[in-house]
Amino acid sequence: ALLREMWHLDGKVDAFQFVWDCAGVLSQIRSKVQE
């Protein structure tokens, strides 16, 4: 159960890092969502 939560949170943290790195440009984020 703890490993599942850690994997899930790792994904969320990496997503926020992606958003940070692309300066919050919605078109880039939406494209990544689709991908």
Full PDB file with SEQRES, HELIX, SHEET, SSBOND, CRYST1, ORIGX, SCALE, CONECT and MASTER records, all heavy atoms in Angstrom:
SEQRES   1 A   35  ALA LEU LEU ARG GLU MET TRP HIS LEU ASP GLY LYS VAL          
SEQRES   2 A   35  ASP ALA PHE GLN PHE VAL TRP ASP CYS ALA GLY VAL LEU          
SEQRES   3 A   35  SER GLN ILE ARG SER LYS VAL GLN GLU                          
HELIX    1 AA1 LEU A    2  ASP A   21  1                                  20    
HELIX    2 AA2 LEU A   26  GLN A   34  1                                   9    
CRYST1    1.000    1.000    1.000  90.00  90.00  90.00 P 1           1          
ORIGX1      1.000000  0.000000  0.000000        0.00000                         
ORIGX2      0.000000  1.000000  0.000000        0.00000                         
ORIGX3      0.000000  0.000000  1.000000        0.00000                         
SCALE1      1.000000  0.000000  0.000000        0.00000                         
SCALE2      0.000000  1.000000  0.000000        0.00000                         
SCALE3      0.000000  0.000000  1.000000        0.00000                         
ATOM      1  N   ALA A   1       0.826  -1.207   0.000  1.00  0.00           N  
ATOM      2  CA  ALA A   1       0.000   0.000   0.000  1.00  0.00           C  
ATOM      3  C   ALA A   1       0.864   1.261   0.000  1.00  0.00           C  
ATOM      4  O   ALA A   1       0.581   2.221  -0.727  1.00  0.00           O  
ATOM      5  CB  ALA A   1      -0.934  -0.003   1.213  1.00  0.00           C  
ATOM      6  N   LEU A   2       1.923   1.244   0.797  1.00  0.00           N  
ATOM      7  CA  LEU A   2       2.813   2.411   0.839  1.00  0.00           C  
ATOM      8  C   LEU A   2       3.549   2.593  -0.478  1.00  0.00           C  
ATOM      9  O   LEU A   2       3.706   3.727  -0.958  1.00  0.00           O  
ATOM     10  CB  LEU A   2       3.797   2.278   1.997  1.00  0.00           C  
ATOM     11  CG  LEU A   2       3.198   2.409   3.393  1.00  0.00           C  
ATOM     12  CD1 LEU A   2       4.244   2.076   4.457  1.00  0.00           C  
ATOM     13  CD2 LEU A   2       2.628   3.793   3.618  1.00  0.00           C  
ATOM     14  N   LEU A   3       3.998   1.503  -1.074  1.00  0.00           N  
ATOM     15  CA  LEU A   3       4.683   1.600  -2.370  1.00  0.00           C  
ATOM     16  C   LEU A   3       3.757   2.166  -3.439  1.00  0.00           C  
ATOM     17  O   LEU A   3       4.177   3.009  -4.235  1.00  0.00           O  
ATOM     18  CB  LEU A   3       5.222   0.240  -2.805  1.00  0.00           C  
ATOM     19  CG  LEU A   3       6.491  -0.218  -2.110  1.00  0.00           C  
ATOM     20  CD1 LEU A   3       6.814  -1.664  -2.479  1.00  0.00           C  
ATOM     21  CD2 LEU A   3       7.657   0.689  -2.454  1.00  0.00           C  
ATOM     22  N   ARG A   4       2.495   1.733  -3.461  1.00  0.00           N  
ATOM     23  CA  ARG A   4       1.529   2.267  -4.445  1.00  0.00           C  
ATOM     24  C   ARG A   4       1.409   3.786  -4.292  1.00  0.00           C  
ATOM     25  O   ARG A   4       1.425   4.516  -5.279  1.00  0.00           O  
ATOM     26  CB  ARG A   4       0.164   1.606  -4.278  1.00  0.00           C  
ATOM     27  CG  ARG A   4       0.043   0.265  -4.938  1.00  0.00           C  
ATOM     28  CD  ARG A   4      -1.412  -0.223  -4.999  1.00  0.00           C  
ATOM     29  NE  ARG A   4      -2.030  -0.351  -3.691  1.00  0.00           N  
ATOM     30  CZ  ARG A   4      -1.947  -1.409  -2.903  1.00  0.00           C  
ATOM     31  NH1 ARG A   4      -1.253  -2.461  -3.289  1.00  0.00           N  
ATOM     32  NH2 ARG A   4      -2.547  -1.443  -1.738  1.00  0.00           N  
ATOM     33  N   GLU A   5       1.291   4.252  -3.056  1.00  0.00           N  
ATOM     34  CA  GLU A   5       1.166   5.694  -2.826  1.00  0.00           C  
ATOM     35  C   GLU A   5       2.439   6.435  -3.232  1.00  0.00           C  
ATOM     36  O   GLU A   5       2.373   7.521  -3.800  1.00  0.00           O  
ATOM     37  CB  GLU A   5       0.830   5.973  -1.356  1.00  0.00           C  
ATOM     38  CG  GLU A   5      -0.589   5.580  -0.979  1.00  0.00           C  
ATOM     39  CD  GLU A   5      -1.634   6.267  -1.824  1.00  0.00           C  
ATOM     40  OE1 GLU A   5      -1.548   7.486  -2.047  1.00  0.00           O  
ATOM     41  OE2 GLU A   5      -2.575   5.570  -2.262  1.00  0.00           O  
ATOM     42  N   MET A   6       3.595   5.858  -2.956  1.00  0.00           N  
ATOM     43  CA  MET A   6       4.857   6.508  -3.328  1.00  0.00           C  
ATOM     44  C   MET A   6       4.995   6.594  -4.840  1.00  0.00           C  
ATOM     45  O   MET A   6       5.405   7.636  -5.370  1.00  0.00           O  
ATOM     46  CB  MET A   6       6.054   5.765  -2.719  1.00  0.00           C  
ATOM     47  CG  MET A   6       6.146   5.944  -1.217  1.00  0.00           C  
ATOM     48  SD  MET A   6       7.640   5.314  -0.395  1.00  0.00           S  
ATOM     49  CE  MET A   6       8.024   3.812  -1.194  1.00  0.00           C  
ATOM     50  N   TRP A   7       4.641   5.538  -5.560  1.00  0.00           N  
ATOM     51  CA  TRP A   7       4.717   5.565  -7.023  1.00  0.00           C  
ATOM     52  C   TRP A   7       3.776   6.627  -7.587  1.00  0.00           C  
ATOM     53  O   TRP A   7       4.126   7.368  -8.503  1.00  0.00           O  
ATOM     54  CB  TRP A   7       4.373   4.203  -7.622  1.00  0.00           C  
ATOM     55  CG  TRP A   7       5.332   3.110  -7.280  1.00  0.00           C  
ATOM     56  CD1 TRP A   7       6.687   3.215  -7.079  1.00  0.00           C  
ATOM     57  CD2 TRP A   7       5.018   1.729  -7.102  1.00  0.00           C  
ATOM     58  NE1 TRP A   7       7.216   1.990  -6.782  1.00  0.00           N  
ATOM     59  CE2 TRP A   7       6.212   1.052  -6.792  1.00  0.00           C  
ATOM     60  CE3 TRP A   7       3.833   0.994  -7.173  1.00  0.00           C  
ATOM     61  CZ2 TRP A   7       6.266  -0.312  -6.558  1.00  0.00           C  
ATOM     62  CZ3 TRP A   7       3.880  -0.370  -6.944  1.00  0.00           C  
ATOM     63  CH2 TRP A   7       5.088  -1.018  -6.637  1.00  0.00           C  
ATOM     64  N   HIS A   8       2.565   6.690  -7.022  1.00  0.00           N  
ATOM     65  CA  HIS A   8       1.569   7.663  -7.474  1.00  0.00           C  
ATOM     66  C   HIS A   8       2.068   9.088  -7.224  1.00  0.00           C  
ATOM     67  O   HIS A   8       1.991   9.955  -8.099  1.00  0.00           O  
ATOM     68  CB  HIS A   8       0.245   7.400  -6.751  1.00  0.00           C  
ATOM     69  CG  HIS A   8      -0.897   8.176  -7.304  1.00  0.00           C  
ATOM     70  ND1 HIS A   8      -1.348   9.331  -6.740  1.00  0.00           N  
ATOM     71  CD2 HIS A   8      -1.680   7.944  -8.385  1.00  0.00           C  
ATOM     72  CE1 HIS A   8      -2.363   9.794  -7.446  1.00  0.00           C  
ATOM     73  NE2 HIS A   8      -2.590   8.981  -8.444  1.00  0.00           N  
ATOM     74  N   LEU A   9       2.584   9.329  -6.027  1.00  0.00           N  
ATOM     75  CA  LEU A   9       3.094  10.658  -5.695  1.00  0.00           C  
ATOM     76  C   LEU A   9       4.326  11.022  -6.516  1.00  0.00           C  
ATOM     77  O   LEU A   9       4.481  12.185  -6.900  1.00  0.00           O  
ATOM     78  CB  LEU A   9       3.406  10.755  -4.201  1.00  0.00           C  
ATOM     79  CG  LEU A   9       2.177  10.789  -3.305  1.00  0.00           C  
ATOM     80  CD1 LEU A   9       2.581  10.666  -1.841  1.00  0.00           C  
ATOM     81  CD2 LEU A   9       1.370  12.048  -3.532  1.00  0.00           C  
ATOM     82  N   ASP A  10       5.187  10.050  -6.808  1.00  0.00           N  
ATOM     83  CA  ASP A  10       6.335  10.306  -7.686  1.00  0.00           C  
ATOM     84  C   ASP A  10       5.862  10.826  -9.043  1.00  0.00           C  
ATOM     85  O   ASP A  10       6.433  11.765  -9.596  1.00  0.00           O  
ATOM     86  CB  ASP A  10       7.176   9.044  -7.892  1.00  0.00           C  
ATOM     87  CG  ASP A  10       8.086   8.719  -6.729  1.00  0.00           C  
ATOM     88  OD1 ASP A  10       8.294   9.579  -5.851  1.00  0.00           O  
ATOM     89  OD2 ASP A  10       8.598   7.580  -6.705  1.00  0.00           O  
ATOM     90  N   GLY A  11       4.797  10.210  -9.568  1.00  0.00           N  
ATOM     91  CA  GLY A  11       4.248  10.661 -10.839  1.00  0.00           C  
ATOM     92  C   GLY A  11       3.726  12.081 -10.759  1.00  0.00           C  
ATOM     93  O   GLY A  11       3.969  12.910 -11.640  1.00  0.00           O  
ATOM     94  N   LYS A  12       3.009  12.402  -9.684  1.00  0.00           N  
ATOM     95  CA  LYS A  12       2.473  13.754  -9.521  1.00  0.00           C  
ATOM     96  C   LYS A  12       3.587  14.784  -9.401  1.00  0.00           C  
ATOM     97  O   LYS A  12       3.522  15.843 -10.012  1.00  0.00           O  
ATOM     98  CB  LYS A  12       1.551  13.819  -8.304  1.00  0.00           C  
ATOM     99  CG  LYS A  12       0.214  13.154  -8.528  1.00  0.00           C  
ATOM    100  CD  LYS A  12      -0.692  13.268  -7.328  1.00  0.00           C  
ATOM    101  CE  LYS A  12      -1.267  14.654  -7.238  1.00  0.00           C  
ATOM    102  NZ  LYS A  12      -2.326  14.772  -6.221  1.00  0.00           N  
ATOM    103  N   VAL A  13       4.601  14.459  -8.615  1.00  0.00           N  
ATOM    104  CA  VAL A  13       5.722  15.396  -8.447  1.00  0.00           C  
ATOM    105  C   VAL A  13       6.408  15.639  -9.788  1.00  0.00           C  
ATOM    106  O   VAL A  13       6.713  16.784 -10.146  1.00  0.00           O  
ATOM    107  CB  VAL A  13       6.733  14.862  -7.399  1.00  0.00           C  
ATOM    108  CG1 VAL A  13       8.030  15.644  -7.431  1.00  0.00           C  
ATOM    109  CG2 VAL A  13       6.113  14.903  -6.009  1.00  0.00           C  
ATOM    110  N   ASP A  14       6.634  14.578 -10.546  1.00  0.00           N  
ATOM    111  CA  ASP A  14       7.272  14.744 -11.856  1.00  0.00           C  
ATOM    112  C   ASP A  14       6.400  15.561 -12.805  1.00  0.00           C  
ATOM    113  O   ASP A  14       6.905  16.342 -13.618  1.00  0.00           O  
ATOM    114  CB  ASP A  14       7.609  13.384 -12.465  1.00  0.00           C  
ATOM    115  CG  ASP A  14       8.778  12.703 -11.756  1.00  0.00           C  
ATOM    116  OD1 ASP A  14       9.469  13.354 -10.934  1.00  0.00           O  
ATOM    117  OD2 ASP A  14       8.992  11.499 -12.023  1.00  0.00           O  
ATOM    118  N   ALA A  15       5.081  15.409 -12.701  1.00  0.00           N  
ATOM    119  CA  ALA A  15       4.174  16.200 -13.539  1.00  0.00           C  
ATOM    120  C   ALA A  15       4.284  17.682 -13.190  1.00  0.00           C  
ATOM    121  O   ALA A  15       4.368  18.533 -14.087  1.00  0.00           O  
ATOM    122  CB  ALA A  15       2.736  15.718 -13.361  1.00  0.00           C  
ATOM    123  N   PHE A  16       4.294  17.984 -11.901  1.00  0.00           N  
ATOM    124  CA  PHE A  16       4.433  19.385 -11.504  1.00  0.00           C  
ATOM    125  C   PHE A  16       5.792  19.941 -11.932  1.00  0.00           C  
ATOM    126  O   PHE A  16       5.887  21.109 -12.305  1.00  0.00           O  
ATOM    127  CB  PHE A  16       4.223  19.557  -9.996  1.00  0.00           C  
ATOM    128  CG  PHE A  16       2.772  19.556  -9.589  1.00  0.00           C  
ATOM    129  CD1 PHE A  16       2.241  18.517  -8.844  1.00  0.00           C  
ATOM    130  CD2 PHE A  16       1.938  20.597  -9.959  1.00  0.00           C  
ATOM    131  CE1 PHE A  16       0.904  18.518  -8.479  1.00  0.00           C  
ATOM    132  CE2 PHE A  16       0.603  20.612  -9.593  1.00  0.00           C  
ATOM    133  CZ  PHE A  16       0.077  19.563  -8.851  1.00  0.00           C  
ATOM    134  N   GLN A  17       6.818  19.109 -11.917  1.00  0.00           N  
ATOM    135  CA  GLN A  17       8.135  19.556 -12.384  1.00  0.00           C  
ATOM    136  C   GLN A  17       8.085  19.854 -13.884  1.00  0.00           C  
ATOM    137  O   GLN A  17       8.661  20.840 -14.342  1.00  0.00           O  
ATOM    138  CB  GLN A  17       9.213  18.500 -12.095  1.00  0.00           C  
ATOM    139  CG  GLN A  17      10.608  18.962 -12.448  1.00  0.00           C  
ATOM    140  CD  GLN A  17      11.061  20.159 -11.628  1.00  0.00           C  
ATOM    141  OE1 GLN A  17      11.036  20.112 -10.406  1.00  0.00           O  
ATOM    142  NE2 GLN A  17      11.479  21.232 -12.285  1.00  0.00           N  
ATOM    143  N   PHE A  18       7.378  19.017 -14.647  1.00  0.00           N  
ATOM    144  CA  PHE A  18       7.212  19.277 -16.078  1.00  0.00           C  
ATOM    145  C   PHE A  18       6.523  20.618 -16.300  1.00  0.00           C  
ATOM    146  O   PHE A  18       6.951  21.428 -17.125  1.00  0.00           O  
ATOM    147  CB  PHE A  18       6.396  18.153 -16.743  1.00  0.00           C  
ATOM    148  CG  PHE A  18       5.997  18.469 -18.151  1.00  0.00           C  
ATOM    149  CD1 PHE A  18       6.895  18.292 -19.188  1.00  0.00           C  
ATOM    150  CD2 PHE A  18       4.736  18.976 -18.444  1.00  0.00           C  
ATOM    151  CE1 PHE A  18       6.533  18.606 -20.496  1.00  0.00           C  
ATOM    152  CE2 PHE A  18       4.370  19.294 -19.739  1.00  0.00           C  
ATOM    153  CZ  PHE A  18       5.280  19.113 -20.771  1.00  0.00           C  
ATOM    154  N   VAL A  19       5.453  20.867 -15.547  1.00  0.00           N  
ATOM    155  CA  VAL A  19       4.706  22.123 -15.666  1.00  0.00           C  
ATOM    156  C   VAL A  19       5.613  23.298 -15.314  1.00  0.00           C  
ATOM    157  O   VAL A  19       5.607  24.324 -15.990  1.00  0.00           O  
ATOM    158  CB  VAL A  19       3.444  22.091 -14.779  1.00  0.00           C  
ATOM    159  CG1 VAL A  19       2.781  23.452 -14.709  1.00  0.00           C  
ATOM    160  CG2 VAL A  19       2.476  21.030 -15.277  1.00  0.00           C  
ATOM    161  N   TRP A  20       6.398  23.136 -14.281  1.00  0.00           N  
ATOM    162  CA  TRP A  20       7.346  24.182 -13.868  1.00  0.00           C  
ATOM    163  C   TRP A  20       8.338  24.445 -14.988  1.00  0.00           C  
ATOM    164  O   TRP A  20       8.605  25.597 -15.336  1.00  0.00           O  
ATOM    165  CB  TRP A  20       8.068  23.713 -12.606  1.00  0.00           C  
ATOM    166  CG  TRP A  20       8.997  24.714 -12.006  1.00  0.00           C  
ATOM    167  CD1 TRP A  20      10.318  24.878 -12.304  1.00  0.00           C  
ATOM    168  CD2 TRP A  20       8.691  25.680 -11.018  1.00  0.00           C  
ATOM    169  NE1 TRP A  20      10.850  25.890 -11.550  1.00  0.00           N  
ATOM    170  CE2 TRP A  20       9.867  26.400 -10.744  1.00  0.00           C  
ATOM    171  CE3 TRP A  20       7.530  25.997 -10.317  1.00  0.00           C  
ATOM    172  CZ2 TRP A  20       9.914  27.423  -9.807  1.00  0.00           C  
ATOM    173  CZ3 TRP A  20       7.588  27.011  -9.392  1.00  0.00           C  
ATOM    174  CH2 TRP A  20       8.765  27.722  -9.152  1.00  0.00           C  
ATOM    175  N   ASP A  21       8.898  23.366 -15.546  1.00  0.00           N  
ATOM    176  CA  ASP A  21       9.917  23.495 -16.590  1.00  0.00           C  
ATOM    177  C   ASP A  21       9.379  24.137 -17.868  1.00  0.00           C  
ATOM    178  O   ASP A  21      10.123  24.808 -18.583  1.00  0.00           O  
ATOM    179  CB  ASP A  21      10.532  22.133 -16.923  1.00  0.00           C  
ATOM    180  CG  ASP A  21      11.372  21.575 -15.783  1.00  0.00           C  
ATOM    181  OD1 ASP A  21      11.739  22.333 -14.856  1.00  0.00           O  
ATOM    182  OD2 ASP A  21      11.639  20.349 -15.809  1.00  0.00           O  
ATOM    183  N   CYS A  22       8.080  23.940 -18.160  1.00  0.00           N  
ATOM    184  CA  CYS A  22       7.516  24.556 -19.373  1.00  0.00           C  
ATOM    185  C   CYS A  22       6.814  25.871 -19.053  1.00  0.00           C  
ATOM    186  O   CYS A  22       6.028  26.372 -19.857  1.00  0.00           O  
ATOM    187  CB  CYS A  22       6.602  23.583 -20.116  1.00  0.00           C  
ATOM    188  SG  CYS A  22       5.016  23.273 -19.357  1.00  0.00           S  
ATOM    189  N   ALA A  23       7.105  26.423 -17.885  1.00  0.00           N  
ATOM    190  CA  ALA A  23       6.611  27.745 -17.468  1.00  0.00           C  
ATOM    191  C   ALA A  23       5.087  27.830 -17.446  1.00  0.00           C  
ATOM    192  O   ALA A  23       4.509  28.892 -17.629  1.00  0.00           O  
ATOM    193  CB  ALA A  23       7.205  28.841 -18.357  1.00  0.00           C  
ATOM    194  N   GLY A  24       4.422  26.697 -17.226  1.00  0.00           N  
ATOM    195  CA  GLY A  24       2.968  26.719 -17.103  1.00  0.00           C  
ATOM    196  C   GLY A  24       2.225  27.017 -18.384  1.00  0.00           C  
ATOM    197  O   GLY A  24       1.072  27.447 -18.346  1.00  0.00           O  
ATOM    198  N   VAL A  25       2.853  26.780 -19.526  1.00  0.00           N  
ATOM    199  CA  VAL A  25       2.204  27.034 -20.814  1.00  0.00           C  
ATOM    200  C   VAL A  25       1.141  25.956 -21.038  1.00  0.00           C  
ATOM    201  O   VAL A  25       1.465  24.771 -21.213  1.00  0.00           O  
ATOM    202  CB  VAL A  25       3.231  27.057 -21.969  1.00  0.00           C  
ATOM    203  CG1 VAL A  25       2.547  27.218 -23.305  1.00  0.00           C  
ATOM    204  CG2 VAL A  25       4.264  28.150 -21.735  1.00  0.00           C  
ATOM    205  N   LEU A  26      -0.121  26.366 -21.000  1.00  0.00           N  
ATOM    206  CA  LEU A  26      -1.224  25.408 -21.054  1.00  0.00           C  
ATOM    207  C   LEU A  26      -1.215  24.537 -22.303  1.00  0.00           C  
ATOM    208  O   LEU A  26      -1.550  23.362 -22.220  1.00  0.00           O  
ATOM    209  CB  LEU A  26      -2.564  26.137 -20.909  1.00  0.00           C  
ATOM    210  CG  LEU A  26      -2.887  26.625 -19.496  1.00  0.00           C  
ATOM    211  CD1 LEU A  26      -4.164  27.457 -19.494  1.00  0.00           C  
ATOM    212  CD2 LEU A  26      -2.999  25.467 -18.526  1.00  0.00           C  
ATOM    213  N   SER A  27      -0.856  25.090 -23.436  1.00  0.00           N  
ATOM    214  CA  SER A  27      -0.856  24.280 -24.655  1.00  0.00           C  
ATOM    215  C   SER A  27       0.139  23.122 -24.548  1.00  0.00           C  
ATOM    216  O   SER A  27      -0.151  22.004 -24.987  1.00  0.00           O  
ATOM    217  CB  SER A  27      -0.550  25.139 -25.887  1.00  0.00           C  
ATOM    218  OG  SER A  27       0.736  25.729 -25.774  1.00  0.00           O  
ATOM    219  N   GLN A  28       1.286  23.366 -23.940  1.00  0.00           N  
ATOM    220  CA  GLN A  28       2.273  22.299 -23.754  1.00  0.00           C  
ATOM    221  C   GLN A  28       1.779  21.263 -22.750  1.00  0.00           C  
ATOM    222  O   GLN A  28       1.973  20.058 -22.943  1.00  0.00           O  
ATOM    223  CB  GLN A  28       3.610  22.867 -23.283  1.00  0.00           C  
ATOM    224  CG  GLN A  28       4.339  23.654 -24.342  1.00  0.00           C  
ATOM    225  CD  GLN A  28       5.671  24.200 -23.819  1.00  0.00           C  
ATOM    226  OE1 GLN A  28       6.009  24.058 -22.653  1.00  0.00           O  
ATOM    227  NE2 GLN A  28       6.420  24.832 -24.704  1.00  0.00           N  
ATOM    228  N   ILE A  29       1.126  21.716 -21.700  1.00  0.00           N  
ATOM    229  CA  ILE A  29       0.612  20.798 -20.684  1.00  0.00           C  
ATOM    230  C   ILE A  29      -0.502  19.941 -21.267  1.00  0.00           C  
ATOM    231  O   ILE A  29      -0.528  18.724 -21.066  1.00  0.00           O  
ATOM    232  CB  ILE A  29       0.125  21.574 -19.448  1.00  0.00           C  
ATOM    233  CG1 ILE A  29       1.266  22.417 -18.861  1.00  0.00           C  
ATOM    234  CG2 ILE A  29      -0.423  20.611 -18.392  1.00  0.00           C  
ATOM    235  CD1 ILE A  29       0.820  23.446 -17.853  1.00  0.00           C  
ATOM    236  N   ARG A  30      -1.407  20.562 -22.004  1.00  0.00           N  
ATOM    237  CA  ARG A  30      -2.506  19.804 -22.621  1.00  0.00           C  
ATOM    238  C   ARG A  30      -1.980  18.778 -23.630  1.00  0.00           C  
ATOM    239  O   ARG A  30      -2.508  17.670 -23.734  1.00  0.00           O  
ATOM    240  CB  ARG A  30      -3.499  20.758 -23.271  1.00  0.00           C  
ATOM    241  CG  ARG A  30      -4.322  21.512 -22.254  1.00  0.00           C  
ATOM    242  CD  ARG A  30      -5.403  22.363 -22.902  1.00  0.00           C  
ATOM    243  NE  ARG A  30      -6.181  23.048 -21.891  1.00  0.00           N  
ATOM    244  CZ  ARG A  30      -6.218  24.363 -21.744  1.00  0.00           C  
ATOM    245  NH1 ARG A  30      -5.554  25.157 -22.563  1.00  0.00           N  
ATOM    246  NH2 ARG A  30      -6.950  24.905 -20.776  1.00  0.00           N  
ATOM    247  N   SER A  31      -0.950  19.153 -24.349  1.00  0.00           N  
ATOM    248  CA  SER A  31      -0.330  18.219 -25.282  1.00  0.00           C  
ATOM    249  C   SER A  31       0.262  17.028 -24.536  1.00  0.00           C  
ATOM    250  O   SER A  31       0.130  15.878 -24.968  1.00  0.00           O  
ATOM    251  CB  SER A  31       0.756  18.946 -26.088  1.00  0.00           C  
ATOM    252  OG  SER A  31       1.417  18.054 -26.946  1.00  0.00           O  
ATOM    253  N   LYS A  32       0.882  17.288 -23.401  1.00  0.00           N  
ATOM    254  CA  LYS A  32       1.461  16.221 -22.587  1.00  0.00           C  
ATOM    255  C   LYS A  32       0.365  15.331 -22.012  1.00  0.00           C  
ATOM    256  O   LYS A  32       0.512  14.106 -21.956  1.00  0.00           O  
ATOM    257  CB  LYS A  32       2.330  16.815 -21.482  1.00  0.00           C  
ATOM    258  CG  LYS A  32       3.027  15.775 -20.636  1.00  0.00           C  
ATOM    259  CD  LYS A  32       3.925  14.867 -21.457  1.00  0.00           C  
ATOM    260  CE  LYS A  32       5.363  15.273 -21.336  1.00  0.00           C  
ATOM    261  NZ  LYS A  32       6.268  14.303 -21.998  1.00  0.00           N  
ATOM    262  N   VAL A  33      -0.764  15.927 -21.607  1.00  0.00           N  
ATOM    263  CA  VAL A  33      -1.903  15.142 -21.112  1.00  0.00           C  
ATOM    264  C   VAL A  33      -2.346  14.159 -22.187  1.00  0.00           C  
ATOM    265  O   VAL A  33      -2.551  12.969 -21.921  1.00  0.00           O  
ATOM    266  CB  VAL A  33      -3.077  16.053 -20.687  1.00  0.00           C  
ATOM    267  CG1 VAL A  33      -4.366  15.259 -20.527  1.00  0.00           C  
ATOM    268  CG2 VAL A  33      -2.748  16.791 -19.402  1.00  0.00           C  
ATOM    269  N   GLN A  34      -2.494  14.658 -23.407  1.00  0.00           N  
ATOM    270  CA  GLN A  34      -2.925  13.800 -24.507  1.00  0.00           C  
ATOM    271  C   GLN A  34      -1.922  12.665 -24.738  1.00  0.00           C  
ATOM    272  O   GLN A  34      -2.308  11.512 -24.919  1.00  0.00           O  
ATOM    273  CB  GLN A  34      -3.099  14.628 -25.784  1.00  0.00           C  
ATOM    274  CG  GLN A  34      -3.646  13.825 -26.942  1.00  0.00           C  
ATOM    275  CD  GLN A  34      -3.901  14.701 -28.167  1.00  0.00           C  
ATOM    276  OE1 GLN A  34      -3.668  15.895 -28.149  1.00  0.00           O  
ATOM    277  NE2 GLN A  34      -4.368  14.081 -29.228  1.00  0.00           N  
ATOM    278  N   GLU A  35      -0.652  12.998 -24.705  1.00  0.00           N  
ATOM    279  CA  GLU A  35       0.400  11.997 -24.898  1.00  0.00           C  
ATOM    280  C   GLU A  35       0.349  10.910 -23.819  1.00  0.00           C  
ATOM    281  O   GLU A  35       0.412   9.715 -24.120  1.00  0.00           O  
ATOM    282  CB  GLU A  35       1.761  12.694 -24.877  1.00  0.00           C  
ATOM    283  CG  GLU A  35       2.950  11.789 -24.993  1.00  0.00           C  
ATOM    284  CD  GLU A  35       4.253  12.567 -24.821  1.00  0.00           C  
ATOM    285  OE1 GLU A  35       4.360  13.712 -25.317  1.00  0.00           O  
ATOM    286  OE2 GLU A  35       5.154  12.029 -24.165  1.00  0.00           O  
TER     287      GLU A  35                                                      
MASTER        0    0    0    2    0    0    0    6  286    1    0    3          
END                                                                             
